[in-house]
PDB file of N, CA and C in Angstrom:
ATOM      1  N   MET A   1       0.740  -0.860   0.036  1.00  0.00           N
ATOM      2  CA  MET A   1       0.075  -0.119  -0.414  1.00  0.00           C
ATOM      3  C   MET A   1       0.799   1.074   0.043  1.00  0.00           C
ATOM      4  N   SER A   2       0.513   2.372  -0.770  1.00  0.00           N
ATOM      5  CA  SER A   2       0.979   3.512  -1.028  1.00  0.00           C
ATOM      6  C   SER A   2       0.412   4.513  -0.263  1.00  0.00           C
ATOM      7  N   PHE A   3       1.527   5.747   1.090  1.00  0.00           N
ATOM      8  CA  PHE A   3       1.147   6.407   1.847  1.00  0.00           C
ATOM      9  C   PHE A   3       1.373   7.327   1.370  1.00  0.00           C
ATOM     10  N   ASN A   4       0.530   8.581   2.028  1.00  0.00           N
ATOM     11  CA  ASN A   4       0.733  10.284   1.648  1.00  0.00           C
ATOM     12  C   ASN A   4       1.851  10.646   2.261  1.00  0.00           C
ATOM     13  N   ILE A   5       2.285  11.508   2.759  1.00  0.00           N
ATOM     14  CA  ILE A   5       2.580  11.828   3.481  1.00  0.00           C
ATOM     15  C   ILE A   5       2.515  13.414   3.938  1.00  0.00           C
ATOM     16  N   GLU A   6       1.999  13.991   4.881  1.00  0.00           N
ATOM     17  CA  GLU A   6       1.605  15.358   5.649  1.00  0.00           C
ATOM     18  C   GLU A   6       2.363  15.439   6.770  1.00  0.00           C
ATOM     19  N   LEU A   7       3.277  16.674   6.387  1.00  0.00           N
ATOM     20  CA  LEU A   7       3.599  17.153   7.382  1.00  0.00           C
ATOM     21  C   LEU A   7       3.117  18.465   7.981  1.00  0.00           C
ATOM     22  N   SER A   8       2.617  18.093   9.267  1.00  0.00           N
ATOM     23  CA  SER A   8       1.751  19.632  10.429  1.00  0.00           C
ATOM     24  C   SER A   8       2.929  20.715  10.215  1.00  0.00           C
ATOM     25  N   ASP A   9       2.580  21.877  10.471  1.00  0.00           N
ATOM     26  CA  ASP A   9       2.856  23.082  10.464  1.00  0.00           C
ATOM     27  C   ASP A   9       3.951  23.380  11.639  1.00  0.00           C
ATOM     28  N   GLU A  10       3.871  22.249  12.711  1.00  0.00           N
ATOM     29  CA  GLU A  10       4.340  22.307  13.838  1.00  0.00           C
ATOM     30  C   GLU A  10       5.633  21.512  13.434  1.00  0.00           C
ATOM     31  N   SER A  11       5.746  20.270  12.476  1.00  0.00           N
ATOM     32  CA  SER A  11       6.727  19.530  12.465  1.00  0.00           C
ATOM     33  C   SER A  11       7.839  20.486  11.459  1.00  0.00           C
ATOM     34  N   LEU A  12       7.184  21.226  10.627  1.00  0.00           N
ATOM     35  CA  LEU A  12       7.999  21.510   9.869  1.00  0.00           C
ATOM     36  C   LEU A  12       9.028  22.430  10.130  1.00  0.00           C
ATOM     37  N   LEU A  13       7.874  23.500  11.687  1.00  0.00           N
ATOM     38  CA  LEU A  13       8.636  24.562  12.531  1.00  0.00           C
ATOM     39  C   LEU A  13       9.513  23.422  13.210  1.00  0.00           C
ATOM     40  N   ASP A  14       9.645  22.565  13.800  1.00  0.00           N
ATOM     41  CA  ASP A  14      10.552  21.302  14.635  1.00  0.00           C
ATOM     42  C   ASP A  14      11.705  21.761  14.030  1.00  0.00           C
ATOM     43  N   LEU A  15      11.507  21.076  12.500  1.00  0.00           N
ATOM     44  CA  LEU A  15      12.249  20.207  11.299  1.00  0.00           C
ATOM     45  C   LEU A  15      13.523  21.881  11.164  1.00  0.00           C
ATOM     46  N   ARG A  16      12.404  22.827  10.536  1.00  0.00           N
ATOM     47  CA  ARG A  16      13.761  24.223  10.448  1.00  0.00           C
ATOM     48  C   ARG A  16      14.274  24.619  11.406  1.00  0.00           C
ATOM     49  N   GLU A  17      13.677  24.613  12.610  1.00  0.00           N
ATOM     50  CA  GLU A  17      14.662  24.897  13.834  1.00  0.00           C
ATOM     51  C   GLU A  17      15.743  23.940  13.671  1.00  0.00           C
ATOM     52  N   ALA A  18      15.792  22.442  14.283  1.00  0.00           N
ATOM     53  CA  ALA A  18      16.758  21.041  14.294  1.00  0.00           C
ATOM     54  C   ALA A  18      18.047  21.292  12.945  1.00  0.00           C
ATOM     55  N   ARG A  19      17.288  22.127  11.809  1.00  0.00           N
ATOM     56  CA  ARG A  19      18.355  22.196  10.679  1.00  0.00           C
ATOM     57  C   ARG A  19      19.135  23.441  10.455  1.00  0.00           C
ATOM     58  N   LEU A  20      18.408  23.787  10.820  1.00  0.00           N
ATOM     59  CA  LEU A  20      19.404  25.497  11.388  1.00  0.00           C
ATOM     60  C   LEU A  20      20.381  25.096  12.389  1.00  0.00           C
ATOM     61  N   TYR A  21      19.703  24.537  13.507  1.00  0.00           N
ATOM     62  CA  TYR A  21      20.783  24.253  14.491  1.00  0.00           C
ATOM     63  C   TYR A  21      22.576  23.194  13.834  1.00  0.00           C
ATOM     64  N   TYR A  22      21.944  22.382  13.352  1.00  0.00           N
ATOM     65  CA  TYR A  22      22.643  21.251  12.937  1.00  0.00           C
ATOM     66  C   TYR A  22      23.475  21.535  11.644  1.00  0.00           C
ATOM     67  N   PHE A  23      23.566  22.976  11.285  1.00  0.00           N
ATOM     68  CA  PHE A  23      23.701  23.906  10.083  1.00  0.00           C
ATOM     69  C   PHE A  23      24.841  24.488  10.165  1.00  0.00           C
ATOM     70  N   GLU A  24      24.325  25.414  11.907  1.00  0.00           N
ATOM     71  CA  GLU A  24      25.598  26.143  12.720  1.00  0.00           C
ATOM     72  C   GLU A  24      26.825  25.098  12.907  1.00  0.00           C
ATOM     73  N   VAL A  25      26.392  23.774  13.072  1.00  0.00           N
ATOM     74  CA  VAL A  25      27.352  23.341  13.857  1.00  0.00           C
ATOM     75  C   VAL A  25      28.453  22.587  12.512  1.00  0.00           C
ATOM     76  N   SER A  26      27.615  22.274  11.663  1.00  0.00           N
ATOM     77  CA  SER A  26      28.368  21.911  10.317  1.00  0.00           C
ATOM     78  C   SER A  26      27.566  21.505   9.017  1.00  0.00           C
ATOM     79  N   ILE A  27      27.731  22.302   8.006  1.00  0.00           N
ATOM     80  CA  ILE A  27      26.574  21.363   6.855  1.00  0.00           C
ATOM     81  C   ILE A  27      27.047  20.261   6.719  1.00  0.00           C
ATOM     82  N   GLU A  28      27.708  19.021   7.029  1.00  0.00           N
ATOM     83  CA  GLU A  28      28.125  17.915   6.991  1.00  0.00           C
ATOM     84  C   GLU A  28      26.857  17.118   8.159  1.00  0.00           C
ATOM     85  N   LEU A  29      27.077  17.579   9.154  1.00  0.00           N
ATOM     86  CA  LEU A  29      26.022  17.481  10.193  1.00  0.00           C
ATOM     87  C   LEU A  29      24.651  17.416   9.756  1.00  0.00           C
ATOM     88  N   GLN A  30      24.449  18.701   9.153  1.00  0.00           N
ATOM     89  CA  GLN A  30      23.348  19.028   8.711  1.00  0.00           C
ATOM     90  C   GLN A  30      22.435  17.603   7.682  1.00  0.00           C
ATOM     91  N   LYS A  31      23.307  17.675   6.663  1.00  0.00           N
ATOM     92  CA  LYS A  31      23.221  16.380   5.313  1.00  0.00           C
ATOM     93  C   LYS A  31      23.289  14.941   6.167  1.00  0.00           C
ATOM     94  N   LYS A  32      23.752  15.030   6.944  1.00  0.00           N
ATOM     95  CA  LYS A  32      23.676  13.460   8.326  1.00  0.00           C
ATOM     96  C   LYS A  32      21.857  13.656   8.185  1.00  0.00           C
ATOM     97  N   PHE A  33      21.814  14.508   9.348  1.00  0.00           N
ATOM     98  CA  PHE A  33      20.885  14.504   9.673  1.00  0.00           C
ATOM     99  C   PHE A  33      19.527  14.633   8.663  1.00  0.00           C
ATOM    100  N   ASP A  34      19.180  15.714   7.729  1.00  0.00           N
ATOM    101  CA  ASP A  34      18.286  15.371   6.408  1.00  0.00           C
ATOM    102  C   ASP A  34      18.561  13.858   6.285  1.00  0.00           C
ATOM    103  N   ASN A  35      19.731  13.707   5.902  1.00  0.00           N
ATOM    104  CA  ASN A  35      19.470  12.025   5.257  1.00  0.00           C
ATOM    105  C   ASN A  35      18.816  10.672   6.308  1.00  0.00           C
ATOM    106  N   GLU A  36      18.722  10.978   7.892  1.00  0.00           N
ATOM    107  CA  GLU A  36      18.579  10.280   8.682  1.00  0.00           C
ATOM    108  C   GLU A  36      16.574  10.630   8.716  1.00  0.00           C
ATOM    109  N   ILE A  37      16.660  11.614   8.715  1.00  0.00           N
ATOM    110  CA  ILE A  37      15.270  12.076   8.613  1.00  0.00           C
ATOM    111  C   ILE A  37      14.285  11.233   8.066  1.00  0.00           C
ATOM    112  N   VAL A  38      14.509  11.186   6.427  1.00  0.00           N
ATOM    113  CA  VAL A  38      14.131  10.882   5.061  1.00  0.00           C
ATOM    114  C   VAL A  38      14.155   9.662   5.453  1.00  0.00           C
ATOM    115  N   GLU A  39      15.466   8.720   6.322  1.00  0.00           N
ATOM    116  CA  GLU A  39      15.570   7.415   6.066  1.00  0.00           C
ATOM    117  C   GLU A  39      13.862   7.032   7.081  1.00  0.00           C
ATOM    118  N   THR A  40      13.961   7.483   7.871  1.00  0.00           N
ATOM    119  CA  THR A  40      13.184   7.547   9.308  1.00  0.00           C
ATOM    120  C   THR A  40      11.194   7.690   8.610  1.00  0.00           C
ATOM    121  N   ILE A  41      11.888   8.660   8.033  1.00  0.00           N
ATOM    122  CA  ILE A  41       9.982   8.686   7.155  1.00  0.00           C
ATOM    123  C   ILE A  41       9.667   7.677   6.613  1.00  0.00           C
ATOM    124  N   GLU A  42      11.152   7.171   5.343  1.00  0.00           N
ATOM    125  CA  GLU A  42      10.920   6.022   5.062  1.00  0.00           C
ATOM    126  C   GLU A  42      10.479   4.629   5.483  1.00  0.00           C
ATOM    127  N   ARG A  43      10.854   4.749   6.847  1.00  0.00           N
ATOM    128  CA  ARG A  43      10.976   3.081   7.446  1.00  0.00           C
ATOM    129  C   ARG A  43       9.438   3.272   8.186  1.00  0.00           C
ATOM    130  N   ILE A  44       8.736   4.860   8.380  1.00  0.00           N
ATOM    131  CA  ILE A  44       7.031   4.316   8.759  1.00  0.00           C
ATOM    132  C   ILE A  44       6.292   4.005   7.056  1.00  0.00           C
ATOM    133  N   GLU A  45       6.717   4.511   5.835  1.00  0.00           N
ATOM    134  CA  GLU A  45       6.007   4.647   5.122  1.00  0.00           C
ATOM    135  C   GLU A  45       6.171   3.456   4.787  1.00  0.00           C
ATOM    136  N   PHE A  46       7.314   2.220   4.868  1.00  0.00           N
ATOM    137  CA  PHE A  46       6.832   1.337   4.528  1.00  0.00           C
ATOM    138  C   PHE A  46       6.317   0.186   5.243  1.00  0.00           C
ATOM    139  N   SER A  47       6.068   0.394   6.602  1.00  0.00           N
ATOM    140  CA  SER A  47       5.227   0.011   7.747  1.00  0.00           C
ATOM    141  C   SER A  47       4.962   0.875   8.799  1.00  0.00           C
ATOM    142  N   PRO A  48       3.903   1.555   8.404  1.00  0.00           N
ATOM    143  CA  PRO A  48       3.173   1.850   9.471  1.00  0.00           C
ATOM    144  C   PRO A  48       2.794   1.982  10.808  1.00  0.00           C
ATOM    145  N   GLN A  49       1.939   0.835  10.418  1.00  0.00           N
ATOM    146  CA  GLN A  49       1.352   0.155  11.770  1.00  0.00           C
ATOM    147  C   GLN A  49       2.810  -0.813  12.489  1.00  0.00           C
ATOM    148  N   HIS A  50       3.956  -1.063  12.481  1.00  0.00           N
ATOM    149  CA  HIS A  50       4.888  -1.734  13.284  1.00  0.00           C
ATOM    150  C   HIS A  50       4.729  -0.926  14.430  1.00  0.00           C
ATOM    151  N   PHE A  51       5.000   0.171  14.482  1.00  0.00           N
ATOM    152  CA  PHE A  51       5.397   1.103  15.648  1.00  0.00           C
ATOM    153  C   PHE A  51       3.922   1.359  16.639  1.00  0.00           C
ATOM    154  N   GLN A  52       4.893   1.188  17.875  1.00  0.00           N
ATOM    155  CA  GLN A  52       3.551   1.346  19.230  1.00  0.00           C
ATOM    156  C   GLN A  52       3.364   2.589  19.011  1.00  0.00           C
ATOM    157  N   LYS A  53       1.722   2.670  19.289  1.00  0.00           N
ATOM    158  CA  LYS A  53       0.993   3.273  19.736  1.00  0.00           C
ATOM    159  C   LYS A  53       1.176   4.159  21.251  1.00  0.00           C
ATOM    160  N   ARG A  54       1.957   5.288  21.116  1.00  0.00           N
ATOM    161  CA  ARG A  54       2.228   6.556  22.643  1.00  0.00           C
ATOM    162  C   ARG A  54       1.162   6.882  23.559  1.00  0.00           C
ATOM    163  N   TYR A  55       0.426   7.481  22.304  1.00  0.00           N
ATOM    164  CA  TYR A  55      -0.411   8.029  23.339  1.00  0.00           C
ATOM    165  C   TYR A  55      -1.640   8.971  22.245  1.00  0.00           C
ATOM    166  N   ARG A  56      -3.181   8.867  22.632  1.00  0.00           N
ATOM    167  CA  ARG A  56      -4.311   9.715  21.156  1.00  0.00           C
ATOM    168  C   ARG A  56      -3.898   9.066  19.957  1.00  0.00           C
ATOM    169  N   ASN A  57      -3.345   7.617  19.969  1.00  0.00           N
ATOM    170  CA  ASN A  57      -3.180   7.332  18.924  1.00  0.00           C
ATOM    171  C   ASN A  57      -2.010   7.269  17.724  1.00  0.00           C
ATOM    172  N   ILE A  58      -1.537   8.416  18.806  1.00  0.00           N
ATOM    173  CA  ILE A  58       0.112   9.123  17.948  1.00  0.00           C
ATOM    174  C   ILE A  58       1.017   8.141  18.238  1.00  0.00           C
ATOM    175  N   LYS A  59       1.739   7.379  16.855  1.00  0.00           N
ATOM    176  CA  LYS A  59       2.752   6.291  17.167  1.00  0.00           C
ATOM    177  C   LYS A  59       4.217   7.309  17.055  1.00  0.00           C
ATOM    178  N   ILE A  60       5.209   6.760  17.557  1.00  0.00           N
ATOM    179  CA  ILE A  60       6.375   7.410  17.410  1.00  0.00           C
ATOM    180  C   ILE A  60       7.651   6.610  17.140  1.00  0.00           C
ATOM    181  N   ILE A  61       8.342   6.822  16.497  1.00  0.00           N
ATOM    182  CA  ILE A  61      10.113   6.312  15.624  1.00  0.00           C
ATOM    183  C   ILE A  61      11.034   6.967  16.227  1.00  0.00           C
ATOM    184  N   PHE A  62      11.505   6.625  16.184  1.00  0.00           N
ATOM    185  CA  PHE A  62      12.865   7.154  16.404  1.00  0.00           C
ATOM    186  C   PHE A  62      14.310   7.541  15.224  1.00  0.00           C
ATOM    187  N   THR A  63      14.896   8.037  15.603  1.00  0.00           N
ATOM    188  CA  THR A  63      15.817   8.253  14.552  1.00  0.00           C
ATOM    189  C   THR A  63      17.062   7.267  15.133  1.00  0.00           C
ATOM    190  N   LYS A  64      17.997   7.243  14.311  1.00  0.00           N
ATOM    191  CA  LYS A  64      19.138   6.050  14.895  1.00  0.00           C
ATOM    192  C   LYS A  64      20.418   6.424  15.469  1.00  0.00           C
ATOM    193  N   SER A  65      20.680   7.933  14.513  1.00  0.00           N
ATOM    194  CA  SER A  65      21.766   8.348  15.429  1.00  0.00           C
ATOM    195  C   SER A  65      21.465   9.960  16.191  1.00  0.00           C
ATOM    196  N   PHE A  66      20.169  10.235  15.908  1.00  0.00           N
ATOM    197  CA  PHE A  66      19.806  11.740  16.697  1.00  0.00           C
ATOM    198  C   PHE A  66      18.865  11.788  17.305  1.00  0.00           C
ATOM    199  N   PRO A  67      18.812  12.258  18.110  1.00  0.00           N
ATOM    200  CA  PRO A  67      18.171  12.262  19.209  1.00  0.00           C
ATOM    201  C   PRO A  67      16.598  12.851  19.379  1.00  0.00           C
ATOM    202  N   PHE A  68      16.099  12.302  18.322  1.00  0.00           N
ATOM    203  CA  PHE A  68      14.307  12.599  17.372  1.00  0.00           C
ATOM    204  C   PHE A  68      13.453  12.185  17.320  1.00  0.00           C
ATOM    205  N   GLY A  69      12.625  12.273  17.981  1.00  0.00           N
ATOM    206  CA  GLY A  69      11.158  11.309  17.509  1.00  0.00           C
ATOM    207  C   GLY A  69      10.185  11.632  16.480  1.00  0.00           C
ATOM    208  N   ILE A  70       9.622  11.561  15.663  1.00  0.00           N
ATOM    209  CA  ILE A  70       8.885  11.927  14.851  1.00  0.00           C
ATOM    210  C   ILE A  70       7.413  10.760  15.481  1.00  0.00           C
ATOM    211  N   HIS A  71       6.857  11.886  15.441  1.00  0.00           N
ATOM    212  CA  HIS A  71       5.404  11.612  16.542  1.00  0.00           C
ATOM    213  C   HIS A  71       4.254  11.781  14.727  1.00  0.00           C
ATOM    214  N   TYR A  72       3.793  11.060  14.857  1.00  0.00           N
ATOM    215  CA  TYR A  72       2.890  10.580  13.419  1.00  0.00           C
ATOM    216  C   TYR A  72       1.119   9.748  13.835  1.00  0.00           C
ATOM    217  N   LEU A  73       0.800  10.208  13.358  1.00  0.00           N
ATOM    218  CA  LEU A  73      -1.135   9.106  13.130  1.00  0.00           C
ATOM    219  C   LEU A  73      -1.440   8.645  11.466  1.00  0.00           C
ATOM    220  N   VAL A  74      -1.325   7.776  11.366  1.00  0.00           N
ATOM    221  CA  VAL A  74      -2.118   6.934  10.180  1.00  0.00           C
ATOM    222  C   VAL A  74      -3.824   6.806  10.249  1.00  0.00           C
ATOM    223  N   ASP A  75      -3.663   8.057   9.026  1.00  0.00           N
ATOM    224  CA  ASP A  75      -5.322   8.146   8.543  1.00  0.00           C
ATOM    225  C   ASP A  75      -5.745   7.713   7.318  1.00  0.00           C
ATOM    226  N   GLY A  76      -5.911   6.529   7.462  1.00  0.00           N
ATOM    227  CA  GLY A  76      -5.967   5.648   6.384  1.00  0.00           C
ATOM    228  C   GLY A  76      -4.746   5.917   5.240  1.00  0.00           C
ATOM    229  N   ASP A  77      -4.665   5.791   4.280  1.00  0.00           N
ATOM    230  CA  ASP A  77      -3.793   6.195   3.358  1.00  0.00           C
ATOM    231  C   ASP A  77      -2.384   7.571   3.321  1.00  0.00           C
ATOM    232  N   THR A  78      -2.883   8.398   4.240  1.00  0.00           N
ATOM    233  CA  THR A  78      -2.925   8.712   4.954  1.00  0.00           C
ATOM    234  C   THR A  78      -1.618   9.231   5.974  1.00  0.00           C
ATOM    235  N   ILE A  79      -0.330   9.396   6.751  1.00  0.00           N
ATOM    236  CA  ILE A  79       0.375   9.122   7.904  1.00  0.00           C
ATOM    237  C   ILE A  79       0.907  11.014   7.490  1.00  0.00           C
ATOM    238  N   LYS A  80       0.536  11.434   8.873  1.00  0.00           N
ATOM    239  CA  LYS A  80      -0.027  13.158   9.127  1.00  0.00           C
ATOM    240  C   LYS A  80       1.525  12.414  10.443  1.00  0.00           C
ATOM    241  N   VAL A  81       2.607  13.696  10.273  1.00  0.00           N
ATOM    242  CA  VAL A  81       3.262  13.910  11.077  1.00  0.00           C
ATOM    243  C   VAL A  81       3.252  14.777  11.523  1.00  0.00           C
ATOM    244  N   GLN A  82       2.746  14.619  12.758  1.00  0.00           N
ATOM    245  CA  GLN A  82       2.507  15.927  13.937  1.00  0.00           C
ATOM    246  C   GLN A  82       3.450  16.821  14.517  1.00  0.00           C
ATOM    247  N   ARG A  83       4.653  16.064  15.143  1.00  0.00           N
ATOM    248  CA  ARG A  83       5.576  16.983  15.275  1.00  0.00           C
ATOM    249  C   ARG A  83       6.957  15.927  15.365  1.00  0.00           C
ATOM    250  N   ILE A  84       8.342  16.542  15.178  1.00  0.00           N
ATOM    251  CA  ILE A  84       9.617  16.364  15.050  1.00  0.00           C
ATOM    252  C   ILE A  84      10.241  16.365  16.326  1.00  0.00           C
ATOM    253  N   LEU A  85       9.995  15.234  17.559  1.00  0.00           N
ATOM    254  CA  LEU A  85      10.925  16.150  19.100  1.00  0.00           C
ATOM    255  C   LEU A  85      12.398  16.031  19.428  1.00  0.00           C
ATOM    256  N   HIS A  86      12.782  16.740  19.611  1.00  0.00           N
ATOM    257  CA  HIS A  86      14.149  16.468  20.579  1.00  0.00           C
ATOM    258  C   HIS A  86      13.872  15.558  21.742  1.00  0.00           C
ATOM    259  N   GLN A  87      14.645  14.191  22.086  1.00  0.00           N
ATOM    260  CA  GLN A  87      13.963  13.815  23.151  1.00  0.00           C
ATOM    261  C   GLN A  87      14.925  14.471  25.120  1.00  0.00           C
ATOM    262  N   LYS A  88      15.419  15.102  24.302  1.00  0.00           N
ATOM    263  CA  LYS A  88      16.054  15.097  25.628  1.00  0.00           C
ATOM    264  C   LYS A  88      15.433  16.921  26.177  1.00  0.00           C
ATOM    265  N   ARG A  89      14.639  17.812  25.736  1.00  0.00           N
ATOM    266  CA  ARG A  89      14.244  18.894  25.618  1.00  0.00           C
ATOM    267  C   ARG A  89      12.830  18.903  26.493  1.00  0.00           C
ATOM    268  N   HIS A  90      12.603  19.979  26.993  1.00  0.00           N
ATOM    269  CA  HIS A  90      11.147  19.961  27.534  1.00  0.00           C
ATOM    270  C   HIS A  90      10.120  20.756  26.761  1.00  0.00           C
ATOM    271  N   TYR A  91       9.154  20.127  26.349  1.00  0.00           N
ATOM    272  CA  TYR A  91       8.282  20.834  25.838  1.00  0.00           C
ATOM    273  C   TYR A  91       7.308  21.576  26.259  1.00  0.00           C
TER     274      TYR A  91
END
């Protein structure tokens, strides 16, 4: 089954903030971060039901190298990314 990916405004803001931080550290680090986010979203797309529900039908998948969790919902054939949150920050 093919899924559509929708990023919420909040997740785009989270992503922009993280990318800016890694860019300021190193362009190479930002590229690695970008690649890992894409790979993680592809993992969701391949098997969205595989990951455990954490709260209010929200599922979370964690990136492998960076301390981020992608919070998402599955709605029919659409994966709705709600937030991309750093694991050590308090929101």
